[in-house]
Amino acid sequence: MKEGDIELLTGLVKFENSADMEKEYRIGWSWRHVRIWPSTLSRLFKDGYLENVFRSNSYTGYRLSEAAKELMARAEPEETGQTNNEPIATGGLFEDIVGHEDVKELLTACLLAEKPVHVLLAGPPALAKSLFLWDIERVAGKRALWLVGSATSKAGLWDVVAERQPEILLIDELDKMNAADTAALLSLMEGGRLVRAKRGRELNLHNQLRVVAASNRLSMLSPELRSRFAVRMLTAYSRGDYLIVVRGVLSRREGLPQDLADEVARRLDGVSQDVRDAIRVARLAPQLGIDRAIKLLIGGESSEK
């Protein structure tokens, strides 16, 4: 077991306990649901902590194994040593993200500020917007809550925030959030107040929440929502930065050997600027080879023969 695995398994236990596994995840949950990289889940599976419920070319479904459940039942509750009055530990924050130094400085300051300053990262796909959110969630732990605008929650933003009461709300795909959740977000961002009449009762929550969000399109956001954010437009990577990002993502997050990560980066140079393309090529390379994977996925020729 590697350092940090207990924390990962603790999060998976909480995820499964909070979900209706028979209805929502009959074929198991995937890495997208728990936001743990596929290579890490594959290692936990090989170590016996996960069971493979379903597998196809496009989906791998997992559940915690009985061995993992027994291990976590015996484990003592982990003390984080962190209370809501303590600042977020920002050591090592954003160290895997290349460039965007001003954005890193801004987000770090916002996390440490005494009162909330909300930040919206905007721009086309593949500019590290989600990576910023992932890194904040990594250092903030339970104090942060991650939501995706296109699928906020079956219960809605009102109820999930009231239940979890996070200090930091991380929202990806903000431009796809529905009207009801957007109205709740506006109220929360204005004064940390959440009021809702439901089944004859009123829920009144006061929480000084910090919101960090990402959006591909600003035009889809209402003026009143945009005005609540400090908006930062992210620009495309330079050629050199793109190569560094691809090498880092493939080696650290996908578990590729450094020489193979370097080769994928070289072959994609001049063909794509999307880091997700590099991930897809790397995953198909064992079956197709790098050149053929690039041809089938992107439709272009690799830059190196």
C-alpha atoms as a PDB file:
ATOM      1  CA  MET A   1       0.000   0.000   0.000  1.00  0.00           C
ATOM      2  CA  LYS A   2       1.354   3.393  -1.008  1.00  0.00           C
ATOM      3  CA  GLU A   3       1.272   6.567   1.019  1.00  0.00           C
ATOM      4  CA  GLY A   4      -2.088   8.221   0.543  1.00  0.00           C
ATOM      5  CA  ASP A   5      -3.998   5.005  -0.256  1.00  0.00           C
ATOM      6  CA  ILE A   6      -5.842   5.061   3.085  1.00  0.00           C
ATOM      7  CA  GLU A   7      -7.079   8.558   2.274  1.00  0.00           C
ATOM      8  CA  LEU A   8      -8.216   7.393  -1.169  1.00  0.00           C
ATOM      9  CA  LEU A   9     -10.038   4.384   0.272  1.00  0.00           C
ATOM     10  CA  THR A  10     -11.652   6.558   2.948  1.00  0.00           C
ATOM     11  CA  GLY A  11     -13.049   8.782   0.219  1.00  0.00           C
ATOM     12  CA  LEU A  12     -14.316   5.761  -1.734  1.00  0.00           C
ATOM     13  CA  VAL A  13     -16.050   4.372   1.358  1.00  0.00           C
ATOM     14  CA  LYS A  14     -17.844   7.690   1.862  1.00  0.00           C
ATOM     15  CA  PHE A  15     -18.755   7.827  -1.829  1.00  0.00           C
ATOM     16  CA  GLU A  16     -20.318   4.352  -1.780  1.00  0.00           C
ATOM     17  CA  ASN A  17     -22.069   4.977   1.533  1.00  0.00           C
ATOM     18  CA  SER A  18     -23.682   8.152   0.194  1.00  0.00           C
ATOM     19  CA  ALA A  19     -24.849   6.551  -3.075  1.00  0.00           C
ATOM     20  CA  ASP A  20     -27.531   4.037  -3.961  1.00  0.00           C
ATOM     21  CA  MET A  21     -25.132   1.542  -5.465  1.00  0.00           C
ATOM     22  CA  GLU A  22     -27.846  -0.827  -6.731  1.00  0.00           C
ATOM     23  CA  LYS A  23     -29.713   1.897  -8.602  1.00  0.00           C
ATOM     24  CA  GLU A  24     -27.090   4.462  -9.560  1.00  0.00           C
ATOM     25  CA  TYR A  25     -24.008   2.283 -10.020  1.00  0.00           C
ATOM     26  CA  ARG A  26     -25.250  -1.206 -10.885  1.00  0.00           C
ATOM     27  CA  ILE A  27     -22.284  -1.673 -13.206  1.00  0.00           C
ATOM     28  CA  GLY A  28     -19.929   0.060 -10.790  1.00  0.00           C
ATOM     29  CA  TRP A  29     -18.552   3.573 -10.650  1.00  0.00           C
ATOM     30  CA  SER A  30     -15.796   4.871 -12.907  1.00  0.00           C
ATOM     31  CA  TRP A  31     -12.836   7.182 -12.381  1.00  0.00           C
ATOM     32  CA  ARG A  32     -14.960  10.116 -13.551  1.00  0.00           C
ATOM     33  CA  HIS A  33     -17.391   9.627 -10.662  1.00  0.00           C
ATOM     34  CA  VAL A  34     -14.720   9.529  -7.947  1.00  0.00           C
ATOM     35  CA  ARG A  35     -12.130  11.754  -9.717  1.00  0.00           C
ATOM     36  CA  ILE A  36      -9.241   9.332  -9.201  1.00  0.00           C
ATOM     37  CA  TRP A  37      -6.964   8.678 -12.162  1.00  0.00           C
ATOM     38  CA  PRO A  38      -7.523   5.339 -13.984  1.00  0.00           C
ATOM     39  CA  SER A  39      -3.932   4.225 -13.394  1.00  0.00           C
ATOM     40  CA  THR A  40      -4.408   4.633  -9.623  1.00  0.00           C
ATOM     41  CA  LEU A  41      -7.672   2.675  -9.676  1.00  0.00           C
ATOM     42  CA  SER A  42      -5.994  -0.051 -11.730  1.00  0.00           C
ATOM     43  CA  ARG A  43      -3.277  -0.331  -9.080  1.00  0.00           C
ATOM     44  CA  LEU A  44      -5.832  -0.510  -6.244  1.00  0.00           C
ATOM     45  CA  PHE A  45      -7.645  -3.237  -8.209  1.00  0.00           C
ATOM     46  CA  LYS A  46      -4.436  -5.240  -8.618  1.00  0.00           C
ATOM     47  CA  ASP A  47      -3.759  -4.850  -4.890  1.00  0.00           C
ATOM     48  CA  GLY A  48      -7.161  -6.352  -4.098  1.00  0.00           C
ATOM     49  CA  TYR A  49      -8.899  -3.234  -2.780  1.00  0.00           C
ATOM     50  CA  LEU A  50     -11.335  -2.909  -5.702  1.00  0.00           C
ATOM     51  CA  GLU A  51     -13.578  -5.327  -7.586  1.00  0.00           C
ATOM     52  CA  ASN A  52     -14.155  -5.042 -11.328  1.00  0.00           C
ATOM     53  CA  VAL A  53     -17.952  -5.075 -11.777  1.00  0.00           C
ATOM     54  CA  PHE A  54     -18.073  -4.298 -15.492  1.00  0.00           C
ATOM     55  CA  ARG A  55     -15.603  -3.760 -18.305  1.00  0.00           C
ATOM     56  CA  SER A  56     -16.010  -2.652 -21.910  1.00  0.00           C
ATOM     57  CA  ASN A  57     -13.970  -0.654 -24.416  1.00  0.00           C
ATOM     58  CA  SER A  58     -15.407   2.596 -23.082  1.00  0.00           C
ATOM     59  CA  TYR A  59     -16.228   1.890 -19.418  1.00  0.00           C
ATOM     60  CA  THR A  60     -14.653   0.156 -16.443  1.00  0.00           C
ATOM     61  CA  GLY A  61     -16.892  -0.123 -13.371  1.00  0.00           C
ATOM     62  CA  TYR A  62     -15.472  -0.682  -9.889  1.00  0.00           C
ATOM     63  CA  ARG A  63     -16.688  -1.327  -6.352  1.00  0.00           C
ATOM     64  CA  LEU A  64     -14.780  -1.596  -3.115  1.00  0.00           C
ATOM     65  CA  SER A  65     -13.758  -5.144  -2.324  1.00  0.00           C
ATOM     66  CA  GLU A  66     -14.645  -6.838   0.954  1.00  0.00           C
ATOM     67  CA  ALA A  67     -10.951  -6.734   1.863  1.00  0.00           C
ATOM     68  CA  ALA A  68     -10.951  -2.948   1.508  1.00  0.00           C
ATOM     69  CA  LYS A  69     -14.130  -2.591   3.569  1.00  0.00           C
ATOM     70  CA  GLU A  70     -12.689  -4.756   6.344  1.00  0.00           C
ATOM     71  CA  LEU A  71      -9.444  -2.767   6.284  1.00  0.00           C
ATOM     72  CA  MET A  72     -11.285   0.543   6.591  1.00  0.00           C
ATOM     73  CA  ALA A  73     -13.556  -0.794   9.323  1.00  0.00           C
ATOM     74  CA  ARG A  74     -10.467  -1.640  11.398  1.00  0.00           C
ATOM     75  CA  ALA A  75      -8.662   1.605  10.647  1.00  0.00           C
ATOM     76  CA  GLU A  76      -8.780   4.388  13.178  1.00  0.00           C
ATOM     77  CA  PRO A  77     -10.430   7.585  11.962  1.00  0.00           C
ATOM     78  CA  GLU A  78      -7.741   9.753  10.458  1.00  0.00           C
ATOM     79  CA  GLU A  79      -7.133  13.039  12.180  1.00  0.00           C
ATOM     80  CA  THR A  80      -6.368  15.795   9.744  1.00  0.00           C
ATOM     81  CA  GLY A  81      -5.311  18.256  12.432  1.00  0.00           C
ATOM     82  CA  GLN A  82      -7.211  20.890  10.492  1.00  0.00           C
ATOM     83  CA  THR A  83     -10.182  22.914  11.663  1.00  0.00           C
ATOM     84  CA  ASN A  84     -12.393  25.385   9.876  1.00  0.00           C
ATOM     85  CA  ASN A  85     -10.502  28.234  11.530  1.00  0.00           C
ATOM     86  CA  GLU A  86      -7.196  27.221  10.016  1.00  0.00           C
ATOM     87  CA  PRO A  87      -6.049  28.463   6.580  1.00  0.00           C
ATOM     88  CA  ILE A  88      -5.879  26.036   3.679  1.00  0.00           C
ATOM     89  CA  ALA A  89      -2.434  24.441   3.390  1.00  0.00           C
ATOM     90  CA  THR A  90      -1.177  25.644  -0.002  1.00  0.00           C
ATOM     91  CA  GLY A  91       2.255  23.997  -0.015  1.00  0.00           C
ATOM     92  CA  GLY A  92       2.786  22.210  -3.328  1.00  0.00           C
ATOM     93  CA  LEU A  93      -0.386  23.708  -4.781  1.00  0.00           C
ATOM     94  CA  PHE A  94      -0.394  23.874  -8.603  1.00  0.00           C
ATOM     95  CA  GLU A  95       3.142  22.512  -8.896  1.00  0.00           C
ATOM     96  CA  ASP A  96       2.065  20.121 -11.675  1.00  0.00           C
ATOM     97  CA  ILE A  97       0.513  22.907 -13.768  1.00  0.00           C
ATOM     98  CA  VAL A  98       2.778  24.610 -16.289  1.00  0.00           C
ATOM     99  CA  GLY A  99       2.500  28.366 -16.831  1.00  0.00           C
ATOM    100  CA  HIS A 100      -0.468  30.551 -15.792  1.00  0.00           C
ATOM    101  CA  GLU A 101       1.635  32.016 -12.980  1.00  0.00           C
ATOM    102  CA  ASP A 102      -0.708  34.970 -12.400  1.00  0.00           C
ATOM    103  CA  VAL A 103      -3.674  32.610 -12.045  1.00  0.00           C
ATOM    104  CA  LYS A 104      -1.757  30.478  -9.540  1.00  0.00           C
ATOM    105  CA  GLU A 105      -0.920  33.567  -7.469  1.00  0.00           C
ATOM    106  CA  LEU A 106      -4.510  34.825  -7.591  1.00  0.00           C
ATOM    107  CA  LEU A 107      -6.077  31.513  -6.554  1.00  0.00           C
ATOM    108  CA  THR A 108      -3.589  30.981  -3.737  1.00  0.00           C
ATOM    109  CA  ALA A 109      -4.336  34.462  -2.369  1.00  0.00           C
ATOM    110  CA  CYS A 110      -8.093  33.847  -2.617  1.00  0.00           C
ATOM    111  CA  LEU A 111      -7.806  30.610  -0.660  1.00  0.00           C
ATOM    112  CA  LEU A 112      -5.899  32.386   2.107  1.00  0.00           C
ATOM    113  CA  ALA A 113      -8.003  35.583   2.172  1.00  0.00           C
ATOM    114  CA  GLU A 114     -10.035  36.269   5.309  1.00  0.00           C
ATOM    115  CA  LYS A 115     -13.221  36.856   3.307  1.00  0.00           C
ATOM    116  CA  PRO A 116     -14.362  35.149   0.074  1.00  0.00           C
ATOM    117  CA  VAL A 117     -13.235  36.252  -3.362  1.00  0.00           C
ATOM    118  CA  HIS A 118     -14.809  34.103  -6.089  1.00  0.00           C
ATOM    119  CA  VAL A 119     -12.813  33.238  -9.227  1.00  0.00           C
ATOM    120  CA  LEU A 120     -13.987  32.020 -12.631  1.00  0.00           C
ATOM    121  CA  LEU A 121     -11.468  30.446 -15.021  1.00  0.00           C
ATOM    122  CA  ALA A 122     -12.671  30.807 -18.605  1.00  0.00           C
ATOM    123  CA  GLY A 123     -11.462  29.810 -22.042  1.00  0.00           C
ATOM    124  CA  PRO A 124     -11.541  26.945 -24.567  1.00  0.00           C
ATOM    125  CA  PRO A 125     -11.073  23.300 -23.473  1.00  0.00           C
ATOM    126  CA  ALA A 126      -7.630  21.851 -22.674  1.00  0.00           C
ATOM    127  CA  LEU A 127      -6.234  24.934 -20.899  1.00  0.00           C
ATOM    128  CA  ALA A 128      -5.798  23.350 -17.425  1.00  0.00           C
ATOM    129  CA  LYS A 129      -9.001  24.820 -15.966  1.00  0.00           C
ATOM    130  CA  SER A 130     -10.081  21.491 -14.480  1.00  0.00           C
ATOM    131  CA  LEU A 131      -6.519  20.815 -13.290  1.00  0.00           C
ATOM    132  CA  PHE A 132      -6.691  23.953 -11.120  1.00  0.00           C
ATOM    133  CA  LEU A 133      -9.926  22.715  -9.551  1.00  0.00           C
ATOM    134  CA  TRP A 134      -8.517  19.238  -8.998  1.00  0.00           C
ATOM    135  CA  ASP A 135      -5.444  20.636  -7.260  1.00  0.00           C
ATOM    136  CA  ILE A 136      -7.536  22.802  -4.928  1.00  0.00           C
ATOM    137  CA  GLU A 137      -9.649  19.788  -4.019  1.00  0.00           C
ATOM    138  CA  ARG A 138      -6.470  17.801  -3.345  1.00  0.00           C
ATOM    139  CA  VAL A 139      -5.102  20.250  -0.771  1.00  0.00           C
ATOM    140  CA  ALA A 140      -8.458  21.261   0.749  1.00  0.00           C
ATOM    141  CA  GLY A 141      -9.794  17.739   1.245  1.00  0.00           C
ATOM    142  CA  LYS A 142     -13.149  17.611   3.020  1.00  0.00           C
ATOM    143  CA  ARG A 143     -13.320  21.390   3.146  1.00  0.00           C
ATOM    144  CA  ALA A 144     -13.967  21.486  -0.613  1.00  0.00           C
ATOM    145  CA  LEU A 145     -16.938  20.198  -2.602  1.00  0.00           C
ATOM    146  CA  TRP A 146     -16.610  19.425  -6.329  1.00  0.00           C
ATOM    147  CA  LEU A 147     -19.649  19.776  -8.605  1.00  0.00           C
ATOM    148  CA  VAL A 148     -20.145  19.568 -12.362  1.00  0.00           C
ATOM    149  CA  GLY A 149     -22.567  22.117 -13.750  1.00  0.00           C
ATOM    150  CA  SER A 150     -24.111  19.734 -16.267  1.00  0.00           C
ATOM    151  CA  ALA A 151     -24.983  17.226 -13.517  1.00  0.00           C
ATOM    152  CA  THR A 152     -24.902  19.111 -10.236  1.00  0.00           C
ATOM    153  CA  SER A 153     -26.848  16.597  -8.186  1.00  0.00           C
ATOM    154  CA  LYS A 154     -30.167  14.803  -8.210  1.00  0.00           C
ATOM    155  CA  ALA A 155     -30.878  16.571  -4.938  1.00  0.00           C
ATOM    156  CA  GLY A 156     -29.786  19.933  -6.320  1.00  0.00           C
ATOM    157  CA  LEU A 157     -27.160  22.387  -5.184  1.00  0.00           C
ATOM    158  CA  TRP A 158     -29.376  23.618  -2.335  1.00  0.00           C
ATOM    159  CA  ASP A 159     -29.452  20.309  -0.502  1.00  0.00           C
ATOM    160  CA  VAL A 160     -25.929  19.070  -1.202  1.00  0.00           C
ATOM    161  CA  VAL A 161     -24.375  22.304   0.098  1.00  0.00           C
ATOM    162  CA  ALA A 162     -26.670  22.316   3.139  1.00  0.00           C
ATOM    163  CA  GLU A 163     -25.646  18.750   3.958  1.00  0.00           C
ATOM    164  CA  ARG A 164     -21.898  19.072   3.390  1.00  0.00           C
ATOM    165  CA  GLN A 165     -21.426  22.747   4.329  1.00  0.00           C
ATOM    166  CA  PRO A 166     -18.102  23.108   2.470  1.00  0.00           C
ATOM    167  CA  GLU A 167     -15.791  26.087   2.716  1.00  0.00           C
ATOM    168  CA  ILE A 168     -14.853  25.896  -0.963  1.00  0.00           C
ATOM    169  CA  LEU A 169     -17.222  25.110  -3.807  1.00  0.00           C
ATOM    170  CA  LEU A 170     -15.510  23.906  -7.010  1.00  0.00           C
ATOM    171  CA  ILE A 171     -17.739  23.984 -10.089  1.00  0.00           C
ATOM    172  CA  ASP A 172     -16.670  22.640 -13.475  1.00  0.00           C
ATOM    173  CA  GLU A 173     -18.773  23.427 -16.572  1.00  0.00           C
ATOM    174  CA  LEU A 174     -20.458  26.360 -14.852  1.00  0.00           C
ATOM    175  CA  ASP A 175     -22.056  27.399 -18.158  1.00  0.00           C
ATOM    176  CA  LYS A 176     -24.131  24.181 -18.130  1.00  0.00           C
ATOM    177  CA  MET A 177     -25.656  24.609 -14.664  1.00  0.00           C
ATOM    178  CA  ASN A 178     -29.454  24.609 -14.578  1.00  0.00           C
ATOM    179  CA  ALA A 179     -31.553  27.621 -13.575  1.00  0.00           C
ATOM    180  CA  ALA A 180     -32.548  26.368 -10.117  1.00  0.00           C
ATOM    181  CA  ASP A 181     -28.962  25.642  -9.085  1.00  0.00           C
ATOM    182  CA  THR A 182     -27.792  28.938 -10.574  1.00  0.00           C
ATOM    183  CA  ALA A 183     -30.315  30.811  -8.414  1.00  0.00           C
ATOM    184  CA  ALA A 184     -29.040  28.998  -5.330  1.00  0.00           C
ATOM    185  CA  LEU A 185     -25.456  29.803  -6.269  1.00  0.00           C
ATOM    186  CA  LEU A 186     -26.222  33.501  -6.677  1.00  0.00           C
ATOM    187  CA  SER A 187     -27.645  33.587  -3.150  1.00  0.00           C
ATOM    188  CA  LEU A 188     -24.691  31.720  -1.668  1.00  0.00           C
ATOM    189  CA  MET A 189     -22.092  33.900  -3.368  1.00  0.00           C
ATOM    190  CA  GLU A 190     -23.748  37.151  -2.383  1.00  0.00           C
ATOM    191  CA  GLY A 191     -23.793  36.584   1.359  1.00  0.00           C
ATOM    192  CA  GLY A 192     -23.376  32.916   2.116  1.00  0.00           C
ATOM    193  CA  ARG A 193     -27.102  32.607   2.721  1.00  0.00           C
ATOM    194  CA  LEU A 194     -29.189  29.630   1.599  1.00  0.00           C
ATOM    195  CA  VAL A 195     -32.923  29.820   2.162  1.00  0.00           C
ATOM    196  CA  ARG A 196     -35.382  27.313   0.768  1.00  0.00           C
ATOM    197  CA  ALA A 197     -38.920  26.332   1.629  1.00  0.00           C
ATOM    198  CA  LYS A 198     -39.279  22.574   1.252  1.00  0.00           C
ATOM    199  CA  ARG A 199     -42.167  20.407   2.426  1.00  0.00           C
ATOM    200  CA  GLY A 200     -43.384  22.984   4.870  1.00  0.00           C
ATOM    201  CA  ARG A 201     -40.003  23.764   6.412  1.00  0.00           C
ATOM    202  CA  GLU A 202     -37.437  26.480   5.827  1.00  0.00           C
ATOM    203  CA  LEU A 203     -33.734  25.823   5.495  1.00  0.00           C
ATOM    204  CA  ASN A 204     -31.608  28.817   6.423  1.00  0.00           C
ATOM    205  CA  LEU A 205     -27.870  28.274   6.084  1.00  0.00           C
ATOM    206  CA  HIS A 206     -25.168  30.861   6.616  1.00  0.00           C
ATOM    207  CA  ASN A 207     -21.792  29.898   5.215  1.00  0.00           C
ATOM    208  CA  GLN A 208     -18.995  32.150   3.957  1.00  0.00           C
ATOM    209  CA  LEU A 209     -18.368  30.068   0.880  1.00  0.00           C
ATOM    210  CA  ARG A 210     -15.528  30.549  -1.637  1.00  0.00           C
ATOM    211  CA  VAL A 211     -16.368  29.556  -5.194  1.00  0.00           C
ATOM    212  CA  VAL A 212     -13.819  28.612  -7.848  1.00  0.00           C
ATOM    213  CA  ALA A 213     -15.436  27.718 -11.158  1.00  0.00           C
ATOM    214  CA  ALA A 214     -14.501  26.888 -14.738  1.00  0.00           C
ATOM    215  CA  SER A 215     -16.413  27.610 -17.923  1.00  0.00           C
ATOM    216  CA  ASN A 216     -15.735  27.199 -21.633  1.00  0.00           C
ATOM    217  CA  ARG A 217     -18.196  29.936 -22.643  1.00  0.00           C
ATOM    218  CA  LEU A 218     -18.812  33.216 -20.851  1.00  0.00           C
ATOM    219  CA  SER A 219     -21.658  34.109 -23.199  1.00  0.00           C
ATOM    220  CA  MET A 220     -23.871  31.468 -21.584  1.00  0.00           C
ATOM    221  CA  LEU A 221     -23.616  33.065 -18.126  1.00  0.00           C
ATOM    222  CA  SER A 222     -26.053  35.692 -16.899  1.00  0.00           C
ATOM    223  CA  PRO A 223     -24.641  39.178 -16.185  1.00  0.00           C
ATOM    224  CA  GLU A 224     -25.498  38.883 -12.479  1.00  0.00           C
ATOM    225  CA  LEU A 225     -23.608  35.584 -12.192  1.00  0.00           C
ATOM    226  CA  ARG A 226     -20.561  36.892 -14.041  1.00  0.00           C
ATOM    227  CA  SER A 227     -20.471  39.991 -11.830  1.00  0.00           C
ATOM    228  CA  ARG A 228     -19.954  37.840  -8.738  1.00  0.00           C
ATOM    229  CA  PHE A 229     -16.680  36.454 -10.070  1.00  0.00           C
ATOM    230  CA  ALA A 230     -13.202  37.724 -10.744  1.00  0.00           C
ATOM    231  CA  VAL A 231     -12.954  36.380 -14.312  1.00  0.00           C
ATOM    232  CA  ARG A 232      -9.609  35.188 -15.645  1.00  0.00           C
ATOM    233  CA  MET A 233      -9.277  34.159 -19.302  1.00  0.00           C
ATOM    234  CA  LEU A 234      -6.717  31.389 -19.807  1.00  0.00           C
ATOM    235  CA  THR A 235      -4.668  31.465 -22.996  1.00  0.00           C
ATOM    236  CA  ALA A 236      -3.438  28.539 -25.073  1.00  0.00           C
ATOM    237  CA  TYR A 237      -0.142  26.870 -24.208  1.00  0.00           C
ATOM    238  CA  SER A 238       2.945  27.742 -26.173  1.00  0.00           C
ATOM    239  CA  ARG A 239       4.552  24.900 -28.113  1.00  0.00           C
ATOM    240  CA  GLY A 240       7.223  24.402 -25.462  1.00  0.00           C
ATOM    241  CA  ASP A 241       4.749  24.516 -22.561  1.00  0.00           C
ATOM    242  CA  TYR A 242       2.465  22.014 -24.297  1.00  0.00           C
ATOM    243  CA  LEU A 243       5.299  19.494 -24.572  1.00  0.00           C
ATOM    244  CA  ILE A 244       6.156  19.929 -20.881  1.00  0.00           C
ATOM    245  CA  VAL A 245       2.514  19.544 -19.846  1.00  0.00           C
ATOM    246  CA  VAL A 246       2.025  16.382 -21.915  1.00  0.00           C
ATOM    247  CA  ARG A 247       5.186  14.766 -20.533  1.00  0.00           C
ATOM    248  CA  GLY A 248       4.171  15.623 -16.970  1.00  0.00           C
ATOM    249  CA  VAL A 249       0.558  14.467 -17.254  1.00  0.00           C
ATOM    250  CA  LEU A 250       1.438  11.185 -18.954  1.00  0.00           C
ATOM    251  CA  SER A 251       4.225  10.281 -16.550  1.00  0.00           C
ATOM    252  CA  ARG A 252       2.673  11.458 -13.263  1.00  0.00           C
ATOM    253  CA  ARG A 253      -1.037  10.925 -13.818  1.00  0.00           C
ATOM    254  CA  GLU A 254      -1.122   8.117 -16.392  1.00  0.00           C
ATOM    255  CA  GLY A 255       1.878   6.226 -15.043  1.00  0.00           C
ATOM    256  CA  LEU A 256       3.756   6.055 -18.367  1.00  0.00           C
ATOM    257  CA  PRO A 257       7.522   5.562 -18.402  1.00  0.00           C
ATOM    258  CA  GLN A 258       9.298   8.844 -19.086  1.00  0.00           C
ATOM    259  CA  ASP A 259      10.652   7.727 -22.462  1.00  0.00           C
ATOM    260  CA  LEU A 260       7.188   6.760 -23.709  1.00  0.00           C
ATOM    261  CA  ALA A 261       5.685  10.017 -22.404  1.00  0.00           C
ATOM    262  CA  ASP A 262       8.422  11.922 -24.273  1.00  0.00           C
ATOM    263  CA  GLU A 263       7.684  10.017 -27.484  1.00  0.00           C
ATOM    264  CA  VAL A 264       3.934  10.708 -27.360  1.00  0.00           C
ATOM    265  CA  ALA A 265       4.661  14.402 -26.742  1.00  0.00           C
ATOM    266  CA  ARG A 266       7.042  14.581 -29.716  1.00  0.00           C
ATOM    267  CA  ARG A 267       4.628  12.833 -32.065  1.00  0.00           C
ATOM    268  CA  LEU A 268       1.774  15.185 -31.119  1.00  0.00           C
ATOM    269  CA  ASP A 269       3.892  18.319 -31.485  1.00  0.00           C
ATOM    270  CA  GLY A 270       2.260  20.393 -34.199  1.00  0.00           C
ATOM    271  CA  VAL A 271      -0.709  18.001 -34.457  1.00  0.00           C
ATOM    272  CA  SER A 272      -2.722  18.887 -31.350  1.00  0.00           C
ATOM    273  CA  GLN A 273      -2.692  21.309 -28.428  1.00  0.00           C
ATOM    274  CA  ASP A 274      -5.202  19.325 -26.363  1.00  0.00           C
ATOM    275  CA  VAL A 275      -3.680  17.438 -23.436  1.00  0.00           C
ATOM    276  CA  ARG A 276      -6.663  15.073 -23.538  1.00  0.00           C
ATOM    277  CA  ASP A 277      -5.567  13.966 -27.010  1.00  0.00           C
ATOM    278  CA  ALA A 278      -2.228  12.934 -25.522  1.00  0.00           C
ATOM    279  CA  ILE A 279      -3.985  10.905 -22.821  1.00  0.00           C
ATOM    280  CA  ARG A 280      -6.151   9.147 -25.400  1.00  0.00           C
ATOM    281  CA  VAL A 281      -3.167   8.374 -27.629  1.00  0.00           C
ATOM    282  CA  ALA A 282      -1.189   6.991 -24.681  1.00  0.00           C
ATOM    283  CA  ARG A 283      -4.043   4.688 -23.671  1.00  0.00           C
ATOM    284  CA  LEU A 284      -4.459   3.283 -27.191  1.00  0.00           C
ATOM    285  CA  ALA A 285      -0.766   3.094 -28.074  1.00  0.00           C
ATOM    286  CA  PRO A 286      -0.264  -0.436 -26.641  1.00  0.00           C
ATOM    287  CA  GLN A 287      -2.953  -1.733 -29.021  1.00  0.00           C
ATOM    288  CA  LEU A 288      -2.408   0.472 -32.075  1.00  0.00           C
ATOM    289  CA  GLY A 289       1.000   2.085 -31.827  1.00  0.00           C
ATOM    290  CA  ILE A 290       1.437   5.839 -31.417  1.00  0.00           C
ATOM    291  CA  ASP A 291       1.227   6.787 -35.117  1.00  0.00           C
ATOM    292  CA  ARG A 292      -1.920   4.763 -35.768  1.00  0.00           C
ATOM    293  CA  ALA A 293      -3.575   6.017 -32.579  1.00  0.00           C
ATOM    294  CA  ILE A 294      -2.958   9.628 -33.654  1.00  0.00           C
ATOM    295  CA  LYS A 295      -4.311   8.874 -37.134  1.00  0.00           C
ATOM    296  CA  LEU A 296      -7.517   7.285 -35.835  1.00  0.00           C
ATOM    297  CA  LEU A 297      -8.144   9.707 -32.977  1.00  0.00           C
ATOM    298  CA  ILE A 298      -7.185  13.022 -34.533  1.00  0.00           C
ATOM    299  CA  GLY A 299      -7.101  12.294 -38.257  1.00  0.00           C
ATOM    300  CA  GLY A 300      -3.661  13.782 -38.791  1.00  0.00           C
ATOM    301  CA  GLU A 301      -0.140  12.471 -39.265  1.00  0.00           C
ATOM    302  CA  SER A 302       2.260  12.450 -36.360  1.00  0.00           C
ATOM    303  CA  SER A 303       5.117  14.935 -36.591  1.00  0.00           C
ATOM    304  CA  GLU A 304       7.833  12.302 -36.348  1.00  0.00           C
ATOM    305  CA  LYS A 305       8.212   9.080 -38.302  1.00  0.00           C
END
